[in-house]
PDB file of N, CA and C in Angstrom:
ATOM      1  N   UNK A   1    -195.984 -25.545 -57.579  1.00  0.00           N
ATOM      2  CA  UNK A   1    -194.369 -25.745 -57.475  1.00  0.00           C
ATOM      3  C   UNK A   1    -193.868 -25.264 -58.700  1.00  0.00           C
ATOM      4  N   UNK A   2    -192.631 -24.907 -58.565  1.00  0.00           N
ATOM      5  CA  UNK A   2    -191.678 -24.324 -59.485  1.00  0.00           C
ATOM      6  C   UNK A   2    -190.281 -25.047 -59.755  1.00  0.00           C
ATOM      7  N   UNK A   3    -189.580 -24.836 -60.840  1.00  0.00           N
ATOM      8  CA  UNK A   3    -188.348 -25.496 -61.012  1.00  0.00           C
ATOM      9  C   UNK A   3    -187.606 -25.260 -59.822  1.00  0.00           C
ATOM     10  N   UNK A   4    -186.785 -26.112 -59.180  1.00  0.00           N
ATOM     11  CA  UNK A   4    -185.863 -26.027 -58.142  1.00  0.00           C
ATOM     12  C   UNK A   4    -186.521 -26.109 -56.781  1.00  0.00           C
ATOM     13  N   UNK A   5    -187.910 -26.212 -56.503  1.00  0.00           N
ATOM     14  CA  UNK A   5    -188.476 -26.555 -55.304  1.00  0.00           C
ATOM     15  C   UNK A   5    -188.052 -28.051 -54.937  1.00  0.00           C
ATOM     16  N   UNK A   6    -188.170 -28.201 -53.706  1.00  0.00           N
ATOM     17  CA  UNK A   6    -187.922 -29.670 -53.098  1.00  0.00           C
ATOM     18  C   UNK A   6    -189.024 -30.381 -52.551  1.00  0.00           C
ATOM     19  N   UNK A   7    -189.195 -31.437 -52.698  1.00  0.00           N
ATOM     20  CA  UNK A   7    -190.575 -32.307 -52.155  1.00  0.00           C
ATOM     21  C   UNK A   7    -189.868 -33.410 -51.410  1.00  0.00           C
ATOM     22  N   UNK A   8    -190.356 -33.538 -50.188  1.00  0.00           N
ATOM     23  CA  UNK A   8    -189.922 -34.807 -49.421  1.00  0.00           C
ATOM     24  C   UNK A   8    -191.060 -35.400 -48.971  1.00  0.00           C
ATOM     25  N   UNK A   9    -191.089 -36.801 -49.173  1.00  0.00           N
ATOM     26  CA  UNK A   9    -192.194 -37.675 -48.613  1.00  0.00           C
ATOM     27  C   UNK A   9    -191.918 -38.379 -47.241  1.00  0.00           C
ATOM     28  N   UNK A  10    -192.885 -38.281 -46.353  1.00  0.00           N
ATOM     29  CA  UNK A  10    -192.498 -39.043 -45.011  1.00  0.00           C
ATOM     30  C   UNK A  10    -193.675 -39.989 -44.993  1.00  0.00           C
ATOM     31  N   UNK A  11    -193.129 -41.291 -44.481  1.00  0.00           N
ATOM     32  CA  UNK A  11    -194.032 -42.481 -44.245  1.00  0.00           C
ATOM     33  C   UNK A  11    -193.598 -42.850 -42.763  1.00  0.00           C
ATOM     34  N   UNK A  12    -194.566 -42.430 -41.893  1.00  0.00           N
ATOM     35  CA  UNK A  12    -194.139 -42.560 -40.507  1.00  0.00           C
ATOM     36  C   UNK A  12    -194.737 -43.729 -39.831  1.00  0.00           C
ATOM     37  N   UNK A  13    -194.162 -44.660 -39.079  1.00  0.00           N
ATOM     38  CA  UNK A  13    -194.814 -45.573 -38.327  1.00  0.00           C
ATOM     39  C   UNK A  13    -194.511 -45.125 -36.782  1.00  0.00           C
ATOM     40  N   UNK A  14    -195.502 -45.423 -36.020  1.00  0.00           N
ATOM     41  CA  UNK A  14    -195.388 -45.298 -34.573  1.00  0.00           C
ATOM     42  C   UNK A  14    -194.033 -45.878 -34.119  1.00  0.00           C
ATOM     43  N   UNK A  15    -193.345 -45.193 -33.543  1.00  0.00           N
ATOM     44  CA  UNK A  15    -191.908 -45.853 -33.115  1.00  0.00           C
ATOM     45  C   UNK A  15    -190.882 -45.266 -33.696  1.00  0.00           C
ATOM     46  N   UNK A  16    -189.648 -46.076 -33.861  1.00  0.00           N
ATOM     47  CA  UNK A  16    -188.441 -45.446 -34.492  1.00  0.00           C
ATOM     48  C   UNK A  16    -188.463 -45.719 -35.899  1.00  0.00           C
ATOM     49  N   UNK A  17    -189.319 -46.038 -36.607  1.00  0.00           N
ATOM     50  CA  UNK A  17    -189.332 -46.332 -37.834  1.00  0.00           C
ATOM     51  C   UNK A  17    -189.883 -45.498 -38.995  1.00  0.00           C
ATOM     52  N   UNK A  18    -189.492 -44.099 -38.836  1.00  0.00           N
ATOM     53  CA  UNK A  18    -189.752 -43.090 -39.841  1.00  0.00           C
ATOM     54  C   UNK A  18    -188.892 -43.405 -40.940  1.00  0.00           C
ATOM     55  N   UNK A  19    -189.607 -43.328 -42.161  1.00  0.00           N
ATOM     56  CA  UNK A  19    -188.979 -43.426 -43.435  1.00  0.00           C
ATOM     57  C   UNK A  19    -189.170 -42.270 -44.183  1.00  0.00           C
ATOM     58  N   UNK A  20    -188.177 -41.746 -44.747  1.00  0.00           N
ATOM     59  CA  UNK A  20    -188.084 -40.556 -45.707  1.00  0.00           C
ATOM     60  C   UNK A  20    -187.830 -40.995 -47.033  1.00  0.00           C
ATOM     61  N   UNK A  21    -188.888 -41.161 -48.050  1.00  0.00           N
ATOM     62  CA  UNK A  21    -188.789 -41.464 -49.286  1.00  0.00           C
ATOM     63  C   UNK A  21    -187.769 -40.766 -50.137  1.00  0.00           C
ATOM     64  N   UNK A  22    -187.171 -39.894 -49.498  1.00  0.00           N
ATOM     65  CA  UNK A  22    -186.201 -39.035 -50.340  1.00  0.00           C
ATOM     66  C   UNK A  22    -186.704 -37.630 -50.777  1.00  0.00           C
ATOM     67  N   UNK A  23    -185.777 -36.889 -51.149  1.00  0.00           N
ATOM     68  CA  UNK A  23    -186.306 -35.503 -51.641  1.00  0.00           C
ATOM     69  C   UNK A  23    -186.053 -35.419 -53.146  1.00  0.00           C
ATOM     70  N   UNK A  24    -187.052 -35.014 -53.830  1.00  0.00           N
ATOM     71  CA  UNK A  24    -186.989 -34.817 -55.294  1.00  0.00           C
ATOM     72  C   UNK A  24    -186.858 -33.222 -55.544  1.00  0.00           C
ATOM     73  N   UNK A  25    -185.957 -32.996 -56.436  1.00  0.00           N
ATOM     74  CA  UNK A  25    -185.985 -31.484 -56.822  1.00  0.00           C
ATOM     75  C   UNK A  25    -186.637 -31.297 -58.077  1.00  0.00           C
ATOM     76  N   UNK A  26    -187.761 -30.321 -58.065  1.00  0.00           N
ATOM     77  CA  UNK A  26    -188.691 -30.243 -59.101  1.00  0.00           C
ATOM     78  C   UNK A  26    -187.829 -29.785 -60.509  1.00  0.00           C
ATOM     79  N   UNK A  27    -187.939 -30.513 -61.559  1.00  0.00           N
ATOM     80  CA  UNK A  27    -187.502 -29.982 -62.979  1.00  0.00           C
ATOM     81  C   UNK A  27    -188.584 -29.619 -63.617  1.00  0.00           C
ATOM     82  N   UNK A  28    -188.409 -28.984 -64.788  1.00  0.00           N
ATOM     83  CA  UNK A  28    -189.281 -28.489 -65.665  1.00  0.00           C
ATOM     84  C   UNK A  28    -190.508 -29.355 -65.900  1.00  0.00           C
ATOM     85  N   UNK A  29    -190.134 -30.616 -66.342  1.00  0.00           N
ATOM     86  CA  UNK A  29    -191.274 -31.608 -66.880  1.00  0.00           C
ATOM     87  C   UNK A  29    -192.063 -32.032 -65.732  1.00  0.00           C
ATOM     88  N   UNK A  30    -191.683 -31.757 -64.409  1.00  0.00           N
ATOM     89  CA  UNK A  30    -192.457 -32.074 -63.389  1.00  0.00           C
ATOM     90  C   UNK A  30    -193.510 -31.042 -63.078  1.00  0.00           C
ATOM     91  N   UNK A  31    -193.318 -29.880 -63.400  1.00  0.00           N
ATOM     92  CA  UNK A  31    -194.178 -28.737 -62.993  1.00  0.00           C
ATOM     93  C   UNK A  31    -195.567 -28.900 -63.522  1.00  0.00           C
ATOM     94  N   UNK A  32    -196.608 -28.985 -62.723  1.00  0.00           N
ATOM     95  CA  UNK A  32    -198.088 -29.272 -63.080  1.00  0.00           C
ATOM     96  C   UNK A  32    -198.299 -30.782 -63.191  1.00  0.00           C
ATOM     97  N   UNK A  33    -197.125 -31.667 -63.128  1.00  0.00           N
ATOM     98  CA  UNK A  33    -197.569 -33.252 -63.348  1.00  0.00           C
ATOM     99  C   UNK A  33    -197.693 -33.788 -62.045  1.00  0.00           C
ATOM    100  N   UNK A  34    -198.224 -35.029 -62.091  1.00  0.00           N
ATOM    101  CA  UNK A  34    -198.351 -35.650 -60.895  1.00  0.00           C
ATOM    102  C   UNK A  34    -196.910 -36.323 -60.565  1.00  0.00           C
ATOM    103  N   UNK A  35    -196.764 -36.430 -59.221  1.00  0.00           N
ATOM    104  CA  UNK A  35    -195.390 -36.984 -58.897  1.00  0.00           C
ATOM    105  C   UNK A  35    -195.630 -38.135 -58.059  1.00  0.00           C
ATOM    106  N   UNK A  36    -194.633 -39.174 -58.355  1.00  0.00           N
ATOM    107  CA  UNK A  36    -194.848 -40.411 -57.604  1.00  0.00           C
ATOM    108  C   UNK A  36    -193.582 -40.730 -56.796  1.00  0.00           C
ATOM    109  N   UNK A  37    -193.860 -41.168 -55.444  1.00  0.00           N
ATOM    110  CA  UNK A  37    -192.945 -41.559 -54.533  1.00  0.00           C
ATOM    111  C   UNK A  37    -192.969 -43.142 -54.493  1.00  0.00           C
ATOM    112  N   UNK A  38    -191.977 -43.823 -54.040  1.00  0.00           N
ATOM    113  CA  UNK A  38    -192.256 -45.253 -53.911  1.00  0.00           C
ATOM    114  C   UNK A  38    -191.661 -45.508 -52.447  1.00  0.00           C
ATOM    115  N   UNK A  39    -192.450 -46.184 -51.720  1.00  0.00           N
ATOM    116  CA  UNK A  39    -192.045 -46.674 -50.331  1.00  0.00           C
ATOM    117  C   UNK A  39    -191.634 -48.226 -50.467  1.00  0.00           C
ATOM    118  N   UNK A  40    -190.605 -48.437 -50.284  1.00  0.00           N
ATOM    119  CA  UNK A  40    -190.036 -49.939 -50.433  1.00  0.00           C
ATOM    120  C   UNK A  40    -190.822 -50.892 -49.679  1.00  0.00           C
ATOM    121  N   UNK A  41    -191.060 -52.102 -50.115  1.00  0.00           N
ATOM    122  CA  UNK A  41    -191.658 -53.189 -49.361  1.00  0.00           C
ATOM    123  C   UNK A  41    -191.201 -53.416 -48.009  1.00  0.00           C
ATOM    124  N   UNK A  42    -189.941 -53.325 -47.912  1.00  0.00           N
ATOM    125  CA  UNK A  42    -189.378 -53.422 -46.441  1.00  0.00           C
ATOM    126  C   UNK A  42    -189.846 -52.558 -45.444  1.00  0.00           C
ATOM    127  N   UNK A  43    -190.302 -51.329 -45.826  1.00  0.00           N
ATOM    128  CA  UNK A  43    -190.860 -50.369 -44.888  1.00  0.00           C
ATOM    129  C   UNK A  43    -192.434 -50.574 -44.720  1.00  0.00           C
ATOM    130  N   UNK A  44    -193.094 -51.142 -45.850  1.00  0.00           N
ATOM    131  CA  UNK A  44    -194.467 -51.483 -45.619  1.00  0.00           C
ATOM    132  C   UNK A  44    -194.579 -52.664 -44.658  1.00  0.00           C
ATOM    133  N   UNK A  45    -193.734 -53.517 -44.840  1.00  0.00           N
ATOM    134  CA  UNK A  45    -193.775 -54.890 -43.984  1.00  0.00           C
ATOM    135  C   UNK A  45    -193.577 -54.379 -42.542  1.00  0.00           C
ATOM    136  N   UNK A  46    -192.712 -53.390 -42.229  1.00  0.00           N
ATOM    137  CA  UNK A  46    -192.664 -52.871 -40.658  1.00  0.00           C
ATOM    138  C   UNK A  46    -193.716 -52.360 -40.478  1.00  0.00           C
ATOM    139  N   UNK A  47    -194.754 -51.992 -41.052  1.00  0.00           N
ATOM    140  CA  UNK A  47    -195.751 -51.121 -40.602  1.00  0.00           C
ATOM    141  C   UNK A  47    -197.051 -52.132 -40.552  1.00  0.00           C
ATOM    142  N   UNK A  48    -196.824 -53.482 -40.919  1.00  0.00           N
ATOM    143  CA  UNK A  48    -198.234 -54.214 -40.955  1.00  0.00           C
ATOM    144  C   UNK A  48    -198.659 -54.275 -39.642  1.00  0.00           C
ATOM    145  N   UNK A  49    -199.896 -54.305 -39.637  1.00  0.00           N
ATOM    146  CA  UNK A  49    -200.846 -54.249 -38.490  1.00  0.00           C
ATOM    147  C   UNK A  49    -200.849 -52.901 -37.564  1.00  0.00           C
ATOM    148  N   UNK A  50    -200.360 -51.942 -38.140  1.00  0.00           N
ATOM    149  CA  UNK A  50    -200.327 -50.867 -37.409  1.00  0.00           C
ATOM    150  C   UNK A  50    -200.651 -49.340 -38.498  1.00  0.00           C
ATOM    151  N   UNK A  51    -200.341 -48.332 -37.904  1.00  0.00           N
ATOM    152  CA  UNK A  51    -200.718 -47.294 -38.742  1.00  0.00           C
ATOM    153  C   UNK A  51    -199.461 -46.418 -39.226  1.00  0.00           C
ATOM    154  N   UNK A  52    -199.690 -45.931 -40.308  1.00  0.00           N
ATOM    155  CA  UNK A  52    -198.550 -45.043 -40.939  1.00  0.00           C
ATOM    156  C   UNK A  52    -199.277 -43.811 -41.197  1.00  0.00           C
ATOM    157  N   UNK A  53    -198.470 -42.700 -40.923  1.00  0.00           N
ATOM    158  CA  UNK A  53    -198.831 -41.303 -41.175  1.00  0.00           C
ATOM    159  C   UNK A  53    -197.872 -40.908 -42.489  1.00  0.00           C
ATOM    160  N   UNK A  54    -198.687 -40.528 -43.382  1.00  0.00           N
ATOM    161  CA  UNK A  54    -197.943 -40.019 -44.566  1.00  0.00           C
ATOM    162  C   UNK A  54    -198.298 -38.590 -44.835  1.00  0.00           C
ATOM    163  N   UNK A  55    -197.207 -37.789 -45.261  1.00  0.00           N
ATOM    164  CA  UNK A  55    -197.349 -36.576 -45.712  1.00  0.00           C
ATOM    165  C   UNK A  55    -196.167 -36.157 -46.439  1.00  0.00           C
ATOM    166  N   UNK A  56    -196.284 -35.000 -47.146  1.00  0.00           N
ATOM    167  CA  UNK A  56    -195.055 -34.577 -47.762  1.00  0.00           C
ATOM    168  C   UNK A  56    -194.787 -33.017 -47.319  1.00  0.00           C
ATOM    169  N   UNK A  57    -193.624 -32.565 -47.723  1.00  0.00           N
ATOM    170  CA  UNK A  57    -193.198 -31.125 -47.336  1.00  0.00           C
ATOM    171  C   UNK A  57    -192.669 -30.716 -48.748  1.00  0.00           C
ATOM    172  N   UNK A  58    -192.969 -29.526 -49.114  1.00  0.00           N
ATOM    173  CA  UNK A  58    -192.595 -28.687 -50.249  1.00  0.00           C
ATOM    174  C   UNK A  58    -191.667 -27.514 -49.745  1.00  0.00           C
ATOM    175  N   UNK A  59    -190.310 -27.545 -50.120  1.00  0.00           N
ATOM    176  CA  UNK A  59    -189.531 -26.420 -49.745  1.00  0.00           C
ATOM    177  C   UNK A  59    -189.248 -25.527 -50.851  1.00  0.00           C
ATOM    178  N   UNK A  60    -189.710 -24.302 -50.671  1.00  0.00           N
ATOM    179  CA  UNK A  60    -189.497 -23.202 -51.609  1.00  0.00           C
ATOM    180  C   UNK A  60    -188.176 -22.500 -51.324  1.00  0.00           C
ATOM    181  N   UNK A  61    -187.842 -21.465 -52.032  1.00  0.00           N
ATOM    182  CA  UNK A  61    -186.688 -20.680 -51.732  1.00  0.00           C
ATOM    183  C   UNK A  61    -186.653 -19.971 -50.374  1.00  0.00           C
ATOM    184  N   UNK A  62    -187.921 -19.556 -49.984  1.00  0.00           N
ATOM    185  CA  UNK A  62    -187.940 -18.896 -48.648  1.00  0.00           C
ATOM    186  C   UNK A  62    -188.823 -19.386 -47.674  1.00  0.00           C
ATOM    187  N   UNK A  63    -189.618 -20.587 -47.900  1.00  0.00           N
ATOM    188  CA  UNK A  63    -190.395 -21.071 -46.909  1.00  0.00           C
ATOM    189  C   UNK A  63    -190.654 -22.562 -47.314  1.00  0.00           C
ATOM    190  N   UNK A  64    -191.649 -23.196 -46.409  1.00  0.00           N
ATOM    191  CA  UNK A  64    -191.970 -24.709 -46.761  1.00  0.00           C
ATOM    192  C   UNK A  64    -193.367 -24.624 -46.547  1.00  0.00           C
ATOM    193  N   UNK A  65    -194.093 -25.619 -47.279  1.00  0.00           N
ATOM    194  CA  UNK A  65    -195.498 -26.209 -47.035  1.00  0.00           C
ATOM    195  C   UNK A  65    -195.570 -27.434 -46.746  1.00  0.00           C
ATOM    196  N   UNK A  66    -196.457 -27.846 -45.816  1.00  0.00           N
ATOM    197  CA  UNK A  66    -196.704 -29.425 -45.586  1.00  0.00           C
ATOM    198  C   UNK A  66    -198.047 -29.824 -45.906  1.00  0.00           C
ATOM    199  N   UNK A  67    -198.221 -30.889 -46.440  1.00  0.00           N
ATOM    200  CA  UNK A  67    -199.492 -31.483 -46.816  1.00  0.00           C
ATOM    201  C   UNK A  67    -200.211 -31.799 -45.772  1.00  0.00           C
ATOM    202  N   UNK A  68    -201.493 -32.054 -45.641  1.00  0.00           N
ATOM    203  CA  UNK A  68    -202.225 -32.728 -44.343  1.00  0.00           C
ATOM    204  C   UNK A  68    -201.841 -34.150 -44.206  1.00  0.00           C
ATOM    205  N   UNK A  69    -201.732 -34.442 -43.006  1.00  0.00           N
ATOM    206  CA  UNK A  69    -201.304 -36.020 -42.753  1.00  0.00           C
ATOM    207  C   UNK A  69    -202.361 -36.738 -42.966  1.00  0.00           C
ATOM    208  N   UNK A  70    -202.050 -37.896 -43.677  1.00  0.00           N
ATOM    209  CA  UNK A  70    -202.950 -38.984 -44.078  1.00  0.00           C
ATOM    210  C   UNK A  70    -202.462 -40.085 -43.087  1.00  0.00           C
ATOM    211  N   UNK A  71    -203.533 -40.664 -42.293  1.00  0.00           N
ATOM    212  CA  UNK A  71    -203.144 -41.809 -41.318  1.00  0.00           C
ATOM    213  C   UNK A  71    -203.847 -42.989 -42.261  1.00  0.00           C
ATOM    214  N   UNK A  72    -202.710 -44.175 -42.327  1.00  0.00           N
ATOM    215  CA  UNK A  72    -203.159 -45.253 -43.152  1.00  0.00           C
ATOM    216  C   UNK A  72    -203.024 -46.497 -42.275  1.00  0.00           C
ATOM    217  N   UNK A  73    -204.079 -47.422 -42.201  1.00  0.00           N
ATOM    218  CA  UNK A  73    -203.950 -48.654 -41.542  1.00  0.00           C
ATOM    219  C   UNK A  73    -203.341 -49.717 -42.376  1.00  0.00           C
ATOM    220  N   UNK A  74    -202.258 -50.149 -42.128  1.00  0.00           N
ATOM    221  CA  UNK A  74    -201.580 -51.198 -42.982  1.00  0.00           C
ATOM    222  C   UNK A  74    -201.915 -52.631 -42.669  1.00  0.00           C
ATOM    223  N   UNK A  75    -202.558 -53.299 -43.510  1.00  0.00           N
ATOM    224  CA  UNK A  75    -202.966 -54.682 -43.397  1.00  0.00           C
ATOM    225  C   UNK A  75    -202.339 -55.409 -44.400  1.00  0.00           C
ATOM    226  N   UNK A  76    -202.215 -56.815 -44.104  1.00  0.00           N
ATOM    227  CA  UNK A  76    -201.746 -57.739 -45.041  1.00  0.00           C
ATOM    228  C   UNK A  76    -203.116 -57.949 -46.012  1.00  0.00           C
ATOM    229  N   UNK A  77    -202.388 -58.083 -47.368  1.00  0.00           N
ATOM    230  CA  UNK A  77    -203.595 -58.453 -48.162  1.00  0.00           C
ATOM    231  C   UNK A  77    -204.155 -59.763 -48.138  1.00  0.00           C
ATOM    232  N   UNK A  78    -205.332 -59.962 -48.493  1.00  0.00           N
ATOM    233  CA  UNK A  78    -206.012 -61.304 -48.359  1.00  0.00           C
ATOM    234  C   UNK A  78    -205.330 -62.102 -49.393  1.00  0.00           C
ATOM    235  N   UNK A  79    -205.315 -63.386 -48.994  1.00  0.00           N
ATOM    236  CA  UNK A  79    -204.963 -64.301 -50.053  1.00  0.00           C
ATOM    237  C   UNK A  79    -205.527 -64.515 -51.280  1.00  0.00           C
ATOM    238  N   UNK A  80    -205.066 -64.727 -52.269  1.00  0.00           N
ATOM    239  CA  UNK A  80    -205.751 -64.758 -53.624  1.00  0.00           C
ATOM    240  C   UNK A  80    -206.665 -65.815 -53.609  1.00  0.00           C
ATOM    241  N   UNK A  81    -207.857 -65.728 -54.178  1.00  0.00           N
ATOM    242  CA  UNK A  81    -208.727 -67.029 -54.163  1.00  0.00           C
ATOM    243  C   UNK A  81    -208.571 -67.806 -55.532  1.00  0.00           C
ATOM    244  N   UNK A  82    -208.660 -69.166 -55.350  1.00  0.00           N
ATOM    245  CA  UNK A  82    -208.393 -69.808 -56.608  1.00  0.00           C
ATOM    246  C   UNK A  82    -209.643 -70.023 -57.298  1.00  0.00           C
TER     247      UNK A  82
END
């Protein structure tokens, strides 16, 4: 990635609940660094007991690249034991 490229994360649930975590424009400090996106809890809750497909797209000046799609089974966390 280079300064000015744009990265968009998608968190897609089967049905109408596609979530786009927003688009980040790559800054100089982001080049070569790990990039973190946050999916709000409300979107995770919508996906409980189903699968979400997660992927990102990098848009360059003249083309785009898409990551492989990762399918995640979203389950409720077990209750904490005392």
